[in-house]
Amino acid sequence: MTQEDGELDRLVRARIRGLRLALGWSLDDLAARCYLSLSTLSRIETGHRRISLDQLTAIARALGASIDE
């Protein structure tokens, strides 16, 4: 992974967390809405798991955002 990829990865994770918190949702709330386990979503947000396109799509949909947003 290049430095640019790492920065984009951190940006995406921060955006997911920011949108989730802006909605007043816990990790558990978002996990239920995007059909991911709480532990998977937690690891995604903290950077301990890579985000697949399928997961990113489900998370964005649950947050009411587009992938490019």
Protein backbone atom coordinates (compact mmCIF):
# COMPACT_ATOMS: atom_id res chain seq x y z
CA MET A 1 0.00 0.00 0.00
CA THR A 2 1.37 3.40 -0.96
CA GLN A 3 1.32 6.42 1.32
CA GLU A 4 -1.49 7.88 -0.80
CA ASP A 5 -3.52 4.67 -0.40
CA GLY A 6 -2.99 4.80 3.35
CA GLU A 7 -4.19 8.39 3.52
CA LEU A 8 -7.29 7.56 1.50
CA ASP A 9 -7.95 4.56 3.73
CA ARG A 10 -7.72 6.74 6.86
CA LEU A 11 -9.98 9.35 5.26
CA VAL A 12 -12.65 6.76 4.43
CA ARG A 13 -12.54 5.33 7.96
CA ALA A 14 -12.78 8.80 9.50
CA ARG A 15 -15.69 9.68 7.21
CA ILE A 16 -17.58 6.53 8.19
CA ARG A 17 -17.09 7.29 11.87
CA GLY A 18 -17.99 10.97 11.41
CA LEU A 19 -21.21 10.20 9.56
CA ARG A 20 -22.14 7.55 12.12
CA LEU A 21 -21.58 9.92 15.02
CA ALA A 22 -23.41 12.77 13.25
CA LEU A 23 -26.44 10.49 13.05
CA GLY A 24 -26.09 9.69 16.75
CA TRP A 25 -25.60 5.99 16.04
CA SER A 26 -23.51 3.53 17.98
CA LEU A 27 -21.38 0.95 16.21
CA ASP A 28 -24.11 -1.55 17.03
CA ASP A 29 -26.75 0.64 15.36
CA LEU A 30 -24.73 0.93 12.15
CA ALA A 31 -23.77 -2.75 12.18
CA ALA A 32 -27.44 -3.73 12.32
CA ARG A 33 -28.34 -1.35 9.49
CA CYS A 34 -25.60 -2.57 7.13
CA TYR A 35 -25.81 -6.26 8.10
CA LEU A 36 -22.23 -6.52 9.34
CA SER A 37 -21.16 -7.88 12.69
CA LEU A 38 -20.28 -5.38 15.37
CA SER A 39 -16.73 -6.72 15.55
CA THR A 40 -16.24 -6.45 11.78
CA LEU A 41 -17.46 -2.86 11.72
CA SER A 42 -15.32 -1.97 14.73
CA ARG A 43 -12.22 -3.45 13.06
CA ILE A 44 -13.02 -1.55 9.86
CA GLU A 45 -13.35 1.77 11.70
CA THR A 46 -10.15 1.25 13.70
CA GLY A 47 -8.09 0.12 10.72
CA HIS A 48 -7.61 -3.46 11.85
CA ARG A 49 -9.51 -4.78 8.84
CA ARG A 50 -9.48 -3.76 5.21
CA ILE A 51 -12.75 -2.54 3.73
CA SER A 52 -14.09 -4.54 0.81
CA LEU A 53 -16.14 -2.80 -1.85
CA ASP A 54 -19.21 -4.82 -0.80
CA GLN A 55 -18.81 -3.69 2.80
CA LEU A 56 -18.20 -0.07 1.81
CA THR A 57 -21.33 -0.10 -0.35
CA ALA A 58 -23.44 -1.52 2.50
CA ILE A 59 -22.03 0.98 5.00
CA ALA A 60 -22.56 3.95 2.67
CA ARG A 61 -26.13 2.85 1.93
CA ALA A 62 -26.89 2.48 5.65
CA LEU A 63 -25.47 5.97 6.31
CA GLY A 64 -27.48 7.46 3.46
CA ALA A 65 -24.32 8.45 1.62
CA SER A 66 -22.83 7.66 -1.76
CA ILE A 67 -19.48 5.87 -1.96
CA ASP A 68 -17.76 8.97 -3.32
CA GLU A 69 -19.19 11.06 -0.51
